[in-house]
Amino acid sequence: MRLLVTGGAGFIGSNFIRYMLQKYPQYEITNLDKLTYAGNLENCADFAANPRYKFVKGDVCDFELVKKTAKDCTAIINFAAESHVDRSIQSSGEFVKTDVLGTQKLLEAARVLDVKKYFQISTDEVYGSVEKGVFTEESPLAPNSPYAASKAGADLLVRSYNKTHGMFTLISRSSNNYGPYQHPEKLIPKAITNLLLGKKIPIYGSGKQVRDWLYVLDNCEGIDVVLHKGKSGEIYNIGGECEKANLEIVENILRALGKDKNSIEHVSDRKGHDFRYSLSCEKAKGLGWKRKVKFDDGIKETVEWYKKNKNWWGKLI
C-alpha cells in the first residue's frame, strides 16, 4: 500500500507515519507538508532516511502539486490543518484556506486520480460543547470557534464527495491528543515547558473546562484500524474515555514536576470557550480498536519526553 499523508510533519501526523512505517514493512509513505510553524522536520528525523519514506514540501491548496504527489497512491490521509483555537479567534483566514479549501483540493485530486480511499482526520470540536451525555457520530455539528467551523466545513465536503461521486471516504474525529512532539502552544506541553523554564502556567478562567484526553499513539492505532476496516462514507469517533478538567490536568503535571499550585496563573477566559467534550467510541470499538494507554502512564511518559528534549521544544517557544 502506498499512502499520501498530508501534514505529516505535525504532531499527530509524524507520530502516525512513524507508527505505520514500523508496523507495515511493505508500506510506502509520502509526506506532503507546507512546514508552517507547527510543521517540523525534526519530528520526522528518526525515519527520514527510511527508503520507504519520502518528504515533499508543499501546500495542500496547490492542486497541481497535490495531483502530482498523489499519483499512484492507494489512500490519502489528511492531517494537514490549522488547528489552534486561539489563533483562529485572532485571524480565521488561514483556517478556512487550509482546512476547507485544502480539503477540497485533496478530494478533487483523489477523484480525478481515482484514489481508492480518502481519509479525513477531524476533531471532536465540530460537535461543539455538551453539558451531559456524549456525542455520537450522528450528533449534529455545532462548532463554536472558527477552527472548529473550518473542520466541520471540511467534513461536510468529504461527505459530499462520498454522496455525489461515490468516493470511498472515511472520517475520524478524535478527542484531545497529547504526547511526544506536540507543539508547546497546546495545554499539556505548554504547562510542562513553562514549569521547566520556571514560568507559571496560564489557565483560562476557572480551569473547570472538561476535555477527553487521548494518548497520541492510541489515536494512531485507531486511525490505522479505521483505514483498514472502516466502511465507506462512515465517521468514527476516537476518544480516550478520560474526561478531566483543565485544572486537574495541570495539577497532575505540577505533581510530576514537584511544583505546587503557586505555579498556576488564572487568565481571562477564551471567547466562546467550549465547556465540555465527550465522545462515544462504540463504532471504533466495533472495528476492534480500544484505548490502551492509561492517562497516568501517558502523562508520565509525556513529561519525561519533554524533560529529555529541550533542544526540540526550546526552539519553538
C-alpha atoms as a PDB file:
ATOM      1  CA  MET A   1       0.000   0.000   0.000  1.00  0.00           C
ATOM      2  CA  ARG A   2       1.221   3.499  -0.875  1.00  0.00           C
ATOM      3  CA  LEU A   3      -0.049   6.281   1.373  1.00  0.00           C
ATOM      4  CA  LEU A   4      -0.018  10.033   0.915  1.00  0.00           C
ATOM      5  CA  VAL A   5      -0.042  11.623   4.360  1.00  0.00           C
ATOM      6  CA  THR A   6      -0.588  15.374   4.363  1.00  0.00           C
ATOM      7  CA  GLY A   7       0.570  17.382   7.355  1.00  0.00           C
ATOM      8  CA  GLY A   8       2.914  14.558   8.282  1.00  0.00           C
ATOM      9  CA  ALA A   9       5.491  16.851   9.872  1.00  0.00           C
ATOM     10  CA  GLY A  10       2.999  17.918  12.525  1.00  0.00           C
ATOM     11  CA  PHE A  11       2.264  16.365  15.902  1.00  0.00           C
ATOM     12  CA  ILE A  12      -0.223  13.601  15.127  1.00  0.00           C
ATOM     13  CA  GLY A  13       0.870  13.148  11.513  1.00  0.00           C
ATOM     14  CA  SER A  14       4.519  12.462  12.358  1.00  0.00           C
ATOM     15  CA  ASN A  15       3.559  10.038  15.108  1.00  0.00           C
ATOM     16  CA  PHE A  16       1.257   8.264  12.651  1.00  0.00           C
ATOM     17  CA  ILE A  17       3.926   7.931   9.954  1.00  0.00           C
ATOM     18  CA  ARG A  18       6.422   6.547  12.475  1.00  0.00           C
ATOM     19  CA  TYR A  19       3.813   4.060  13.723  1.00  0.00           C
ATOM     20  CA  MET A  20       2.870   2.901  10.207  1.00  0.00           C
ATOM     21  CA  LEU A  21       6.435   2.516   8.964  1.00  0.00           C
ATOM     22  CA  GLN A  22       7.225   0.340  11.966  1.00  0.00           C
ATOM     23  CA  LYS A  23       4.072  -1.765  11.757  1.00  0.00           C
ATOM     24  CA  TYR A  24       3.886  -2.301   7.993  1.00  0.00           C
ATOM     25  CA  PRO A  25       7.308  -3.035   6.452  1.00  0.00           C
ATOM     26  CA  GLN A  26       5.798  -3.199   2.974  1.00  0.00           C
ATOM     27  CA  TYR A  27       4.051   0.190   3.045  1.00  0.00           C
ATOM     28  CA  GLU A  28       5.427   3.283   1.285  1.00  0.00           C
ATOM     29  CA  ILE A  29       4.555   6.717   2.659  1.00  0.00           C
ATOM     30  CA  THR A  30       4.857  10.157   1.073  1.00  0.00           C
ATOM     31  CA  ASN A  31       4.596  13.105   3.441  1.00  0.00           C
ATOM     32  CA  LEU A  32       3.306  16.375   1.953  1.00  0.00           C
ATOM     33  CA  ASP A  33       3.736  19.265   4.372  1.00  0.00           C
ATOM     34  CA  LYS A  34       3.943  23.037   3.970  1.00  0.00           C
ATOM     35  CA  LEU A  35       6.157  23.319   7.070  1.00  0.00           C
ATOM     36  CA  THR A  36       4.294  26.131   8.785  1.00  0.00           C
ATOM     37  CA  TYR A  37       5.248  26.983  12.374  1.00  0.00           C
ATOM     38  CA  ALA A  38       3.567  23.737  13.518  1.00  0.00           C
ATOM     39  CA  GLY A  39       5.265  21.553  10.909  1.00  0.00           C
ATOM     40  CA  ASN A  40       8.746  20.495  11.902  1.00  0.00           C
ATOM     41  CA  LEU A  41      11.076  18.181  10.012  1.00  0.00           C
ATOM     42  CA  GLU A  42      12.783  17.341  13.299  1.00  0.00           C
ATOM     43  CA  ASN A  43       9.592  15.426  14.101  1.00  0.00           C
ATOM     44  CA  CYS A  44      10.491  13.102  11.211  1.00  0.00           C
ATOM     45  CA  ALA A  45      14.260  12.930  11.705  1.00  0.00           C
ATOM     46  CA  ASP A  46      14.362   9.361  13.009  1.00  0.00           C
ATOM     47  CA  PHE A  47      12.654   7.937   9.892  1.00  0.00           C
ATOM     48  CA  ALA A  48      13.752  10.491   7.270  1.00  0.00           C
ATOM     49  CA  ALA A  49      16.309   8.078   5.771  1.00  0.00           C
ATOM     50  CA  ASN A  50      13.852   5.181   5.525  1.00  0.00           C
ATOM     51  CA  PRO A  51      13.779   4.103   1.840  1.00  0.00           C
ATOM     52  CA  ARG A  52      10.002   3.654   2.076  1.00  0.00           C
ATOM     53  CA  TYR A  53       9.504   7.268   3.146  1.00  0.00           C
ATOM     54  CA  LYS A  54       9.545  10.413   1.013  1.00  0.00           C
ATOM     55  CA  PHE A  55       9.058  14.048   2.002  1.00  0.00           C
ATOM     56  CA  VAL A  56       7.600  16.682  -0.318  1.00  0.00           C
ATOM     57  CA  LYS A  57       7.390  20.309   0.787  1.00  0.00           C
ATOM     58  CA  GLY A  58       4.204  21.909  -0.442  1.00  0.00           C
ATOM     59  CA  ASP A  59       0.762  23.315   0.222  1.00  0.00           C
ATOM     60  CA  VAL A  60      -2.398  21.191   0.083  1.00  0.00           C
ATOM     61  CA  CYS A  61      -4.029  24.169  -1.669  1.00  0.00           C
ATOM     62  CA  ASP A  62      -1.663  23.697  -4.632  1.00  0.00           C
ATOM     63  CA  PHE A  63      -3.835  21.431  -6.772  1.00  0.00           C
ATOM     64  CA  GLU A  64      -1.226  20.563  -9.390  1.00  0.00           C
ATOM     65  CA  LEU A  65       1.322  19.609  -6.743  1.00  0.00           C
ATOM     66  CA  VAL A  66      -1.268  17.592  -4.845  1.00  0.00           C
ATOM     67  CA  LYS A  67      -2.277  15.760  -8.008  1.00  0.00           C
ATOM     68  CA  LYS A  68       1.354  15.033  -8.879  1.00  0.00           C
ATOM     69  CA  THR A  69       2.163  13.841  -5.356  1.00  0.00           C
ATOM     70  CA  ALA A  70      -0.959  11.708  -5.023  1.00  0.00           C
ATOM     71  CA  LYS A  71      -0.424   9.864  -8.300  1.00  0.00           C
ATOM     72  CA  ASP A  72      -0.422   6.082  -7.801  1.00  0.00           C
ATOM     73  CA  CYS A  73      -1.352   6.407  -4.112  1.00  0.00           C
ATOM     74  CA  THR A  74      -3.697   3.855  -2.603  1.00  0.00           C
ATOM     75  CA  ALA A  75      -5.021   6.266   0.004  1.00  0.00           C
ATOM     76  CA  ILE A  76      -4.804   9.915   1.037  1.00  0.00           C
ATOM     77  CA  ILE A  77      -4.847  10.619   4.773  1.00  0.00           C
ATOM     78  CA  ASN A  78      -5.312  14.306   5.503  1.00  0.00           C
ATOM     79  CA  PHE A  79      -3.802  15.578   8.755  1.00  0.00           C
ATOM     80  CA  ALA A  80      -2.961  18.990   7.270  1.00  0.00           C
ATOM     81  CA  ALA A  81      -4.789  21.700   9.193  1.00  0.00           C
ATOM     82  CA  GLU A  82      -4.506  24.924  11.074  1.00  0.00           C
ATOM     83  CA  SER A  83      -5.568  23.704  14.493  1.00  0.00           C
ATOM     84  CA  HIS A  84      -5.056  26.225  17.289  1.00  0.00           C
ATOM     85  CA  VAL A  85      -8.319  27.729  18.556  1.00  0.00           C
ATOM     86  CA  ASP A  86      -6.735  30.933  19.898  1.00  0.00           C
ATOM     87  CA  ARG A  87      -5.112  31.665  16.547  1.00  0.00           C
ATOM     88  CA  SER A  88      -8.420  31.083  14.756  1.00  0.00           C
ATOM     89  CA  ILE A  89     -10.124  33.612  17.027  1.00  0.00           C
ATOM     90  CA  GLN A  90      -7.475  36.199  16.208  1.00  0.00           C
ATOM     91  CA  SER A  91      -7.490  35.527  12.457  1.00  0.00           C
ATOM     92  CA  SER A  92      -9.600  32.887  10.728  1.00  0.00           C
ATOM     93  CA  GLY A  93      -8.488  33.295   7.114  1.00  0.00           C
ATOM     94  CA  GLU A  94      -5.700  30.707   7.087  1.00  0.00           C
ATOM     95  CA  PHE A  95      -8.001  28.223   8.816  1.00  0.00           C
ATOM     96  CA  VAL A  96     -10.630  28.489   6.092  1.00  0.00           C
ATOM     97  CA  LYS A  97      -7.956  28.309   3.398  1.00  0.00           C
ATOM     98  CA  THR A  98      -6.054  25.274   4.696  1.00  0.00           C
ATOM     99  CA  ASP A  99      -8.825  23.343   6.408  1.00  0.00           C
ATOM    100  CA  VAL A 100     -11.618  23.870   3.870  1.00  0.00           C
ATOM    101  CA  LEU A 101     -10.027  24.781   0.523  1.00  0.00           C
ATOM    102  CA  GLY A 102      -7.095  22.420   1.132  1.00  0.00           C
ATOM    103  CA  THR A 103      -9.507  19.572   1.788  1.00  0.00           C
ATOM    104  CA  GLN A 104     -11.395  20.379  -1.418  1.00  0.00           C
ATOM    105  CA  LYS A 105      -8.175  20.259  -3.445  1.00  0.00           C
ATOM    106  CA  LEU A 106      -7.257  16.887  -1.934  1.00  0.00           C
ATOM    107  CA  LEU A 107     -10.716  15.480  -2.564  1.00  0.00           C
ATOM    108  CA  GLU A 108     -10.701  16.677  -6.157  1.00  0.00           C
ATOM    109  CA  ALA A 109      -7.264  15.157  -6.739  1.00  0.00           C
ATOM    110  CA  ALA A 110      -8.483  11.883  -5.251  1.00  0.00           C
ATOM    111  CA  ARG A 111     -11.498  11.962  -7.549  1.00  0.00           C
ATOM    112  CA  VAL A 112      -9.512  12.742 -10.699  1.00  0.00           C
ATOM    113  CA  LEU A 113      -6.857  10.125  -9.908  1.00  0.00           C
ATOM    114  CA  ASP A 114      -9.398   7.553  -8.706  1.00  0.00           C
ATOM    115  CA  VAL A 115      -7.580   7.079  -5.386  1.00  0.00           C
ATOM    116  CA  LYS A 116      -9.083   4.091  -3.586  1.00  0.00           C
ATOM    117  CA  LYS A 117      -9.576   5.752  -0.185  1.00  0.00           C
ATOM    118  CA  TYR A 118      -9.721   9.293   1.148  1.00  0.00           C
ATOM    119  CA  PHE A 119      -9.396   9.654   4.933  1.00  0.00           C
ATOM    120  CA  GLN A 120     -10.109  12.958   6.696  1.00  0.00           C
ATOM    121  CA  ILE A 121      -8.646  13.454  10.173  1.00  0.00           C
ATOM    122  CA  SER A 122     -11.106  15.598  12.092  1.00  0.00           C
ATOM    123  CA  THR A 123     -11.831  16.616  15.676  1.00  0.00           C
ATOM    124  CA  ASP A 124     -14.482  16.304  18.370  1.00  0.00           C
ATOM    125  CA  GLU A 125     -14.707  20.107  18.391  1.00  0.00           C
ATOM    126  CA  VAL A 126     -17.009  20.018  15.355  1.00  0.00           C
ATOM    127  CA  TYR A 127     -19.786  18.845  17.701  1.00  0.00           C
ATOM    128  CA  GLY A 128     -19.491  21.885  19.953  1.00  0.00           C
ATOM    129  CA  SER A 129     -19.981  21.610  23.708  1.00  0.00           C
ATOM    130  CA  VAL A 130     -22.182  19.239  25.706  1.00  0.00           C
ATOM    131  CA  GLU A 131     -23.138  19.561  29.383  1.00  0.00           C
ATOM    132  CA  LYS A 132     -24.402  16.000  29.823  1.00  0.00           C
ATOM    133  CA  GLY A 133     -24.157  12.784  27.857  1.00  0.00           C
ATOM    134  CA  VAL A 134     -21.840  12.050  24.945  1.00  0.00           C
ATOM    135  CA  PHE A 135     -21.518  12.872  21.274  1.00  0.00           C
ATOM    136  CA  THR A 136     -22.071  10.071  18.785  1.00  0.00           C
ATOM    137  CA  GLU A 137     -21.241  10.151  15.107  1.00  0.00           C
ATOM    138  CA  GLU A 138     -24.890  11.057  14.485  1.00  0.00           C
ATOM    139  CA  SER A 139     -24.775  14.152  16.700  1.00  0.00           C
ATOM    140  CA  PRO A 140     -25.384  17.429  14.846  1.00  0.00           C
ATOM    141  CA  LEU A 141     -22.428  19.639  14.037  1.00  0.00           C
ATOM    142  CA  ALA A 142     -22.394  22.804  16.152  1.00  0.00           C
ATOM    143  CA  PRO A 143     -18.878  24.282  16.028  1.00  0.00           C
ATOM    144  CA  ASN A 144     -18.240  27.266  18.294  1.00  0.00           C
ATOM    145  CA  SER A 145     -14.839  28.530  17.104  1.00  0.00           C
ATOM    146  CA  PRO A 146     -13.566  29.454  13.632  1.00  0.00           C
ATOM    147  CA  TYR A 147     -11.175  26.484  13.872  1.00  0.00           C
ATOM    148  CA  ALA A 148     -13.971  24.044  14.659  1.00  0.00           C
ATOM    149  CA  ALA A 149     -16.144  25.575  11.939  1.00  0.00           C
ATOM    150  CA  SER A 150     -13.403  25.125   9.349  1.00  0.00           C
ATOM    151  CA  LYS A 151     -13.012  21.468  10.328  1.00  0.00           C
ATOM    152  CA  ALA A 152     -16.789  20.952  10.184  1.00  0.00           C
ATOM    153  CA  GLY A 153     -16.844  22.505   6.710  1.00  0.00           C
ATOM    154  CA  ALA A 154     -14.129  20.106   5.613  1.00  0.00           C
ATOM    155  CA  ASP A 155     -16.067  17.141   6.982  1.00  0.00           C
ATOM    156  CA  LEU A 156     -19.147  18.191   5.024  1.00  0.00           C
ATOM    157  CA  LEU A 157     -17.098  18.416   1.831  1.00  0.00           C
ATOM    158  CA  VAL A 158     -15.876  14.868   2.433  1.00  0.00           C
ATOM    159  CA  ARG A 159     -19.465  13.725   2.870  1.00  0.00           C
ATOM    160  CA  SER A 160     -20.458  15.467  -0.360  1.00  0.00           C
ATOM    161  CA  TYR A 161     -17.759  13.702  -2.376  1.00  0.00           C
ATOM    162  CA  ASN A 162     -18.926  10.373  -0.988  1.00  0.00           C
ATOM    163  CA  LYS A 163     -22.580  11.046  -1.819  1.00  0.00           C
ATOM    164  CA  THR A 164     -22.077  12.860  -5.138  1.00  0.00           C
ATOM    165  CA  HIS A 165     -19.144  10.991  -6.642  1.00  0.00           C
ATOM    166  CA  GLY A 166     -19.359   7.662  -4.843  1.00  0.00           C
ATOM    167  CA  MET A 167     -15.847   8.173  -3.484  1.00  0.00           C
ATOM    168  CA  PHE A 168     -14.628   5.870  -0.715  1.00  0.00           C
ATOM    169  CA  THR A 169     -14.272   8.279   2.197  1.00  0.00           C
ATOM    170  CA  LEU A 170     -13.564   7.950   5.899  1.00  0.00           C
ATOM    171  CA  ILE A 171     -13.612  10.480   8.716  1.00  0.00           C
ATOM    172  CA  SER A 172     -12.237  10.065  12.227  1.00  0.00           C
ATOM    173  CA  ARG A 173     -12.922  12.561  15.000  1.00  0.00           C
ATOM    174  CA  SER A 174     -10.586  12.281  17.936  1.00  0.00           C
ATOM    175  CA  SER A 175     -10.613  13.881  21.347  1.00  0.00           C
ATOM    176  CA  ASN A 176      -7.709  15.957  22.718  1.00  0.00           C
ATOM    177  CA  ASN A 177      -4.415  14.252  21.903  1.00  0.00           C
ATOM    178  CA  TYR A 178      -1.248  14.536  23.967  1.00  0.00           C
ATOM    179  CA  GLY A 179       2.223  13.002  23.784  1.00  0.00           C
ATOM    180  CA  PRO A 180       5.673  13.498  22.187  1.00  0.00           C
ATOM    181  CA  TYR A 181       6.235  16.160  19.520  1.00  0.00           C
ATOM    182  CA  GLN A 182       3.186  18.284  20.385  1.00  0.00           C
ATOM    183  CA  HIS A 183       3.800  21.994  19.812  1.00  0.00           C
ATOM    184  CA  PRO A 184       4.222  23.888  23.109  1.00  0.00           C
ATOM    185  CA  GLU A 185       1.315  26.199  22.332  1.00  0.00           C
ATOM    186  CA  LYS A 186      -1.110  23.439  23.447  1.00  0.00           C
ATOM    187  CA  LEU A 187      -2.136  22.971  27.096  1.00  0.00           C
ATOM    188  CA  ILE A 188      -0.117  19.936  28.223  1.00  0.00           C
ATOM    189  CA  PRO A 189       3.221  20.770  26.565  1.00  0.00           C
ATOM    190  CA  LYS A 190       2.783  24.443  27.481  1.00  0.00           C
ATOM    191  CA  ALA A 191       2.301  23.501  31.123  1.00  0.00           C
ATOM    192  CA  ILE A 192       5.322  21.189  31.104  1.00  0.00           C
ATOM    193  CA  THR A 193       7.679  23.551  29.283  1.00  0.00           C
ATOM    194  CA  ASN A 194       6.629  26.592  31.313  1.00  0.00           C
ATOM    195  CA  LEU A 195       7.367  24.741  34.544  1.00  0.00           C
ATOM    196  CA  LEU A 196      10.705  23.524  33.211  1.00  0.00           C
ATOM    197  CA  LEU A 197      11.570  27.164  32.447  1.00  0.00           C
ATOM    198  CA  GLY A 198      10.442  28.347  35.873  1.00  0.00           C
ATOM    199  CA  LYS A 199       7.370  30.113  34.498  1.00  0.00           C
ATOM    200  CA  LYS A 200       3.750  29.985  35.605  1.00  0.00           C
ATOM    201  CA  ILE A 201       1.051  28.066  33.753  1.00  0.00           C
ATOM    202  CA  PRO A 202      -1.768  30.236  32.355  1.00  0.00           C
ATOM    203  CA  ILE A 203      -5.220  28.729  32.896  1.00  0.00           C
ATOM    204  CA  TYR A 204      -8.300  30.095  31.158  1.00  0.00           C
ATOM    205  CA  GLY A 205     -10.991  31.244  33.592  1.00  0.00           C
ATOM    206  CA  SER A 206     -11.790  28.770  36.355  1.00  0.00           C
ATOM    207  CA  GLY A 207      -9.962  25.910  34.651  1.00  0.00           C
ATOM    208  CA  LYS A 208     -13.035  23.711  35.090  1.00  0.00           C
ATOM    209  CA  GLN A 209     -13.490  23.147  31.346  1.00  0.00           C
ATOM    210  CA  VAL A 210     -13.576  19.408  30.660  1.00  0.00           C
ATOM    211  CA  ARG A 211     -11.758  17.624  27.847  1.00  0.00           C
ATOM    212  CA  ASP A 212     -11.447  13.959  26.912  1.00  0.00           C
ATOM    213  CA  TRP A 213      -7.737  13.039  26.728  1.00  0.00           C
ATOM    214  CA  LEU A 214      -6.222  10.514  24.330  1.00  0.00           C
ATOM    215  CA  TYR A 215      -2.566   9.470  24.071  1.00  0.00           C
ATOM    216  CA  VAL A 216      -1.411  10.127  20.526  1.00  0.00           C
ATOM    217  CA  LEU A 217      -0.333   6.536  19.771  1.00  0.00           C
ATOM    218  CA  ASP A 218      -3.788   5.301  20.746  1.00  0.00           C
ATOM    219  CA  ASN A 219      -5.166   7.686  18.136  1.00  0.00           C
ATOM    220  CA  CYS A 220      -2.641   6.416  15.576  1.00  0.00           C
ATOM    221  CA  GLU A 221      -3.809   2.856  16.200  1.00  0.00           C
ATOM    222  CA  GLY A 222      -7.405   3.980  15.836  1.00  0.00           C
ATOM    223  CA  ILE A 223      -6.692   5.664  12.518  1.00  0.00           C
ATOM    224  CA  ASP A 224      -4.903   2.508  11.364  1.00  0.00           C
ATOM    225  CA  VAL A 225      -7.919   0.363  12.251  1.00  0.00           C
ATOM    226  CA  VAL A 226     -10.372   2.720  10.554  1.00  0.00           C
ATOM    227  CA  LEU A 227      -8.176   2.912   7.438  1.00  0.00           C
ATOM    228  CA  HIS A 228      -8.186  -0.854   7.012  1.00  0.00           C
ATOM    229  CA  LYS A 229     -11.607  -1.815   8.403  1.00  0.00           C
ATOM    230  CA  GLY A 230     -13.790   1.284   8.168  1.00  0.00           C
ATOM    231  CA  LYS A 231     -16.787   1.406   5.828  1.00  0.00           C
ATOM    232  CA  SER A 232     -17.040   3.956   3.073  1.00  0.00           C
ATOM    233  CA  GLY A 233     -18.921   7.121   3.992  1.00  0.00           C
ATOM    234  CA  GLU A 234     -18.694   6.446   7.714  1.00  0.00           C
ATOM    235  CA  ILE A 235     -17.437   8.591  10.592  1.00  0.00           C
ATOM    236  CA  TYR A 236     -15.641   7.110  13.599  1.00  0.00           C
ATOM    237  CA  ASN A 237     -15.105   8.817  16.956  1.00  0.00           C
ATOM    238  CA  ILE A 238     -11.765   8.005  18.602  1.00  0.00           C
ATOM    239  CA  GLY A 239     -11.744   9.135  22.215  1.00  0.00           C
ATOM    240  CA  GLY A 240      -9.754   8.479  25.341  1.00  0.00           C
ATOM    241  CA  GLU A 241     -12.783   7.969  27.616  1.00  0.00           C
ATOM    242  CA  CYS A 242     -10.732  10.014  30.059  1.00  0.00           C
ATOM    243  CA  GLU A 243     -12.551  13.223  30.936  1.00  0.00           C
ATOM    244  CA  LYS A 244     -10.603  15.663  33.074  1.00  0.00           C
ATOM    245  CA  ALA A 245     -10.883  19.370  33.836  1.00  0.00           C
ATOM    246  CA  ASN A 246      -8.039  21.531  32.587  1.00  0.00           C
ATOM    247  CA  LEU A 247      -7.154  22.427  36.175  1.00  0.00           C
ATOM    248  CA  GLU A 248      -6.912  18.729  37.072  1.00  0.00           C
ATOM    249  CA  ILE A 249      -4.550  18.164  34.140  1.00  0.00           C
ATOM    250  CA  VAL A 250      -2.298  20.991  35.266  1.00  0.00           C
ATOM    251  CA  GLU A 251      -2.288  19.802  38.883  1.00  0.00           C
ATOM    252  CA  ASN A 252      -1.221  16.361  37.661  1.00  0.00           C
ATOM    253  CA  ILE A 253       1.718  17.925  35.807  1.00  0.00           C
ATOM    254  CA  LEU A 254       2.614  20.027  38.859  1.00  0.00           C
ATOM    255  CA  ARG A 255       2.916  16.850  40.930  1.00  0.00           C
ATOM    256  CA  ALA A 256       5.008  15.139  38.265  1.00  0.00           C
ATOM    257  CA  LEU A 257       7.486  18.031  38.312  1.00  0.00           C
ATOM    258  CA  GLY A 258       7.439  18.631  42.063  1.00  0.00           C
ATOM    259  CA  LYS A 259       5.708  22.013  41.856  1.00  0.00           C
ATOM    260  CA  ASP A 260       2.757  23.490  43.776  1.00  0.00           C
ATOM    261  CA  LYS A 261      -0.339  25.499  42.870  1.00  0.00           C
ATOM    262  CA  ASN A 262       1.578  28.762  43.164  1.00  0.00           C
ATOM    263  CA  SER A 263       2.762  27.991  39.642  1.00  0.00           C
ATOM    264  CA  ILE A 264      -0.785  28.430  38.290  1.00  0.00           C
ATOM    265  CA  GLU A 265      -1.932  31.760  36.899  1.00  0.00           C
ATOM    266  CA  HIS A 266      -5.618  32.224  36.041  1.00  0.00           C
ATOM    267  CA  VAL A 267      -6.172  34.445  32.992  1.00  0.00           C
ATOM    268  CA  SER A 268      -9.243  35.800  31.203  1.00  0.00           C
ATOM    269  CA  ASP A 269     -11.299  33.037  29.635  1.00  0.00           C
ATOM    270  CA  ARG A 270     -11.186  32.333  25.908  1.00  0.00           C
ATOM    271  CA  LYS A 271     -14.005  33.780  23.800  1.00  0.00           C
ATOM    272  CA  GLY A 272     -16.731  31.215  23.126  1.00  0.00           C
ATOM    273  CA  HIS A 273     -14.872  28.644  25.200  1.00  0.00           C
ATOM    274  CA  ASP A 274     -16.485  25.187  24.949  1.00  0.00           C
ATOM    275  CA  PHE A 275     -17.103  23.773  28.411  1.00  0.00           C
ATOM    276  CA  ARG A 276     -17.104  20.013  27.844  1.00  0.00           C
ATOM    277  CA  TYR A 277     -16.317  17.478  25.116  1.00  0.00           C
ATOM    278  CA  SER A 278     -17.291  13.817  25.394  1.00  0.00           C
ATOM    279  CA  LEU A 279     -17.282  11.074  22.770  1.00  0.00           C
ATOM    280  CA  SER A 280     -18.920   7.706  22.330  1.00  0.00           C
ATOM    281  CA  CYS A 281     -16.397   5.403  20.640  1.00  0.00           C
ATOM    282  CA  GLU A 282     -18.582   2.328  20.199  1.00  0.00           C
ATOM    283  CA  LYS A 283     -18.271   2.344  16.392  1.00  0.00           C
ATOM    284  CA  ALA A 284     -14.468   2.315  16.511  1.00  0.00           C
ATOM    285  CA  LYS A 285     -14.548  -0.383  19.174  1.00  0.00           C
ATOM    286  CA  GLY A 286     -16.758  -2.385  16.844  1.00  0.00           C
ATOM    287  CA  LEU A 287     -13.871  -2.449  14.369  1.00  0.00           C
ATOM    288  CA  GLY A 288     -11.569  -3.872  17.039  1.00  0.00           C
ATOM    289  CA  TRP A 289      -9.937  -0.703  18.382  1.00  0.00           C
ATOM    290  CA  LYS A 290      -9.603   0.149  22.045  1.00  0.00           C
ATOM    291  CA  ARG A 291      -7.627   2.650  24.059  1.00  0.00           C
ATOM    292  CA  LYS A 292      -4.519   1.093  25.632  1.00  0.00           C
ATOM    293  CA  VAL A 293      -2.600   3.866  27.406  1.00  0.00           C
ATOM    294  CA  LYS A 294      -3.916   4.955  30.794  1.00  0.00           C
ATOM    295  CA  PHE A 295      -3.702   8.683  31.399  1.00  0.00           C
ATOM    296  CA  ASP A 296      -1.392   8.436  34.412  1.00  0.00           C
ATOM    297  CA  ASP A 297       1.074   6.385  32.362  1.00  0.00           C
ATOM    298  CA  GLY A 298       0.762   8.557  29.278  1.00  0.00           C
ATOM    299  CA  ILE A 299       1.287  11.821  31.135  1.00  0.00           C
ATOM    300  CA  LYS A 300       4.371  10.455  32.890  1.00  0.00           C
ATOM    301  CA  GLU A 301       5.861   9.405  29.544  1.00  0.00           C
ATOM    302  CA  THR A 302       4.989  12.792  28.064  1.00  0.00           C
ATOM    303  CA  VAL A 303       6.572  14.750  30.928  1.00  0.00           C
ATOM    304  CA  GLU A 304       9.736  12.658  30.649  1.00  0.00           C
ATOM    305  CA  TRP A 305       9.903  13.198  26.881  1.00  0.00           C
ATOM    306  CA  TYR A 306       9.784  16.981  27.248  1.00  0.00           C
ATOM    307  CA  LYS A 307      12.357  16.869  30.045  1.00  0.00           C
ATOM    308  CA  LYS A 308      14.740  14.991  27.736  1.00  0.00           C
ATOM    309  CA  ASN A 309      14.046  17.008  24.572  1.00  0.00           C
ATOM    310  CA  LYS A 310      14.559  20.666  25.437  1.00  0.00           C
ATOM    311  CA  ASN A 311      16.630  21.029  22.264  1.00  0.00           C
ATOM    312  CA  TRP A 312      13.464  20.236  20.306  1.00  0.00           C
ATOM    313  CA  TRP A 313      10.917  22.463  22.068  1.00  0.00           C
ATOM    314  CA  GLY A 314      13.273  25.252  23.112  1.00  0.00           C
ATOM    315  CA  LYS A 315      13.396  26.464  19.504  1.00  0.00           C
ATOM    316  CA  LEU A 316       9.598  26.690  19.299  1.00  0.00           C
ATOM    317  CA  ILE A 317       8.930  28.989  22.247  1.00  0.00           C
END
